[in-house]
Amino acid sequence: MEIKEQLQELEDKLSKGLKEAYKKMIAFKQQKNTPIIVSKNGKIIKIKPKQN
């Protein structure tokens, strides 16, 4: 397996893992009814997770 293929495989695994972690974080925040804290343009903001 070439280096490019190995890097692509690693990138795919990381992307999949980050998406799964994001889904779990949103579900947890919805369950606990707590805001998601993010930084936008250098300012800290709170976002309420939406219930679907």
Protein backbone atom coordinates (compact mmCIF):
# COMPACT_ATOMS: atom_id res chain seq x y z
CA MET A 1 0.00 0.00 0.00
CA GLU A 2 1.40 3.37 -1.00
CA ILE A 3 1.79 6.30 1.35
CA LYS A 4 -1.01 8.23 -0.41
CA GLU A 5 -3.39 5.31 0.07
CA GLN A 6 -2.42 4.97 3.72
CA LEU A 7 -2.96 8.68 4.32
CA GLN A 8 -6.34 8.58 2.57
CA GLU A 9 -7.39 5.58 4.66
CA LEU A 10 -6.32 7.36 7.85
CA GLU A 11 -8.16 10.53 6.80
CA ASP A 12 -11.31 8.50 6.11
CA LYS A 13 -11.12 6.80 9.52
CA LEU A 14 -10.55 10.11 11.31
CA SER A 15 -13.44 11.77 9.49
CA LYS A 16 -15.77 8.88 10.32
CA GLY A 17 -14.69 8.96 13.97
CA LEU A 18 -15.21 12.72 14.26
CA LYS A 19 -18.69 12.46 12.72
CA GLU A 20 -19.63 9.70 15.18
CA ALA A 21 -18.27 11.70 18.14
CA TYR A 22 -20.29 14.74 16.98
CA LYS A 23 -23.49 12.69 16.79
CA LYS A 24 -22.91 11.29 20.29
CA MET A 25 -22.16 14.76 21.69
CA ILE A 26 -25.37 16.20 20.22
CA ALA A 27 -27.42 13.29 21.61
CA PHE A 28 -25.83 13.75 25.04
CA LYS A 29 -26.47 17.51 25.03
CA GLN A 30 -30.11 16.92 24.01
CA GLN A 31 -30.56 14.33 26.74
CA LYS A 32 -29.09 16.59 29.43
CA ASN A 33 -30.69 19.75 27.94
CA THR A 34 -27.39 21.62 28.11
CA PRO A 35 -26.04 24.15 25.59
CA ILE A 36 -23.26 23.50 23.11
CA ILE A 37 -20.46 26.00 23.70
CA VAL A 38 -18.59 27.23 20.60
CA SER A 39 -16.36 30.10 19.56
CA LYS A 40 -17.55 32.26 16.67
CA ASN A 41 -15.49 35.20 15.45
CA GLY A 42 -13.56 35.14 18.72
CA LYS A 43 -16.67 35.24 20.89
CA ILE A 44 -17.99 32.42 23.05
CA ILE A 45 -21.60 31.54 22.27
CA LYS A 46 -24.09 28.98 23.60
CA ILE A 47 -26.31 27.02 21.22
CA LYS A 48 -29.32 25.04 22.40
CA PRO A 49 -29.38 21.55 20.86
CA LYS A 50 -32.58 20.98 18.88
CA GLN A 51 -34.78 18.04 19.67
CA ASN A 52 -35.86 16.04 16.63
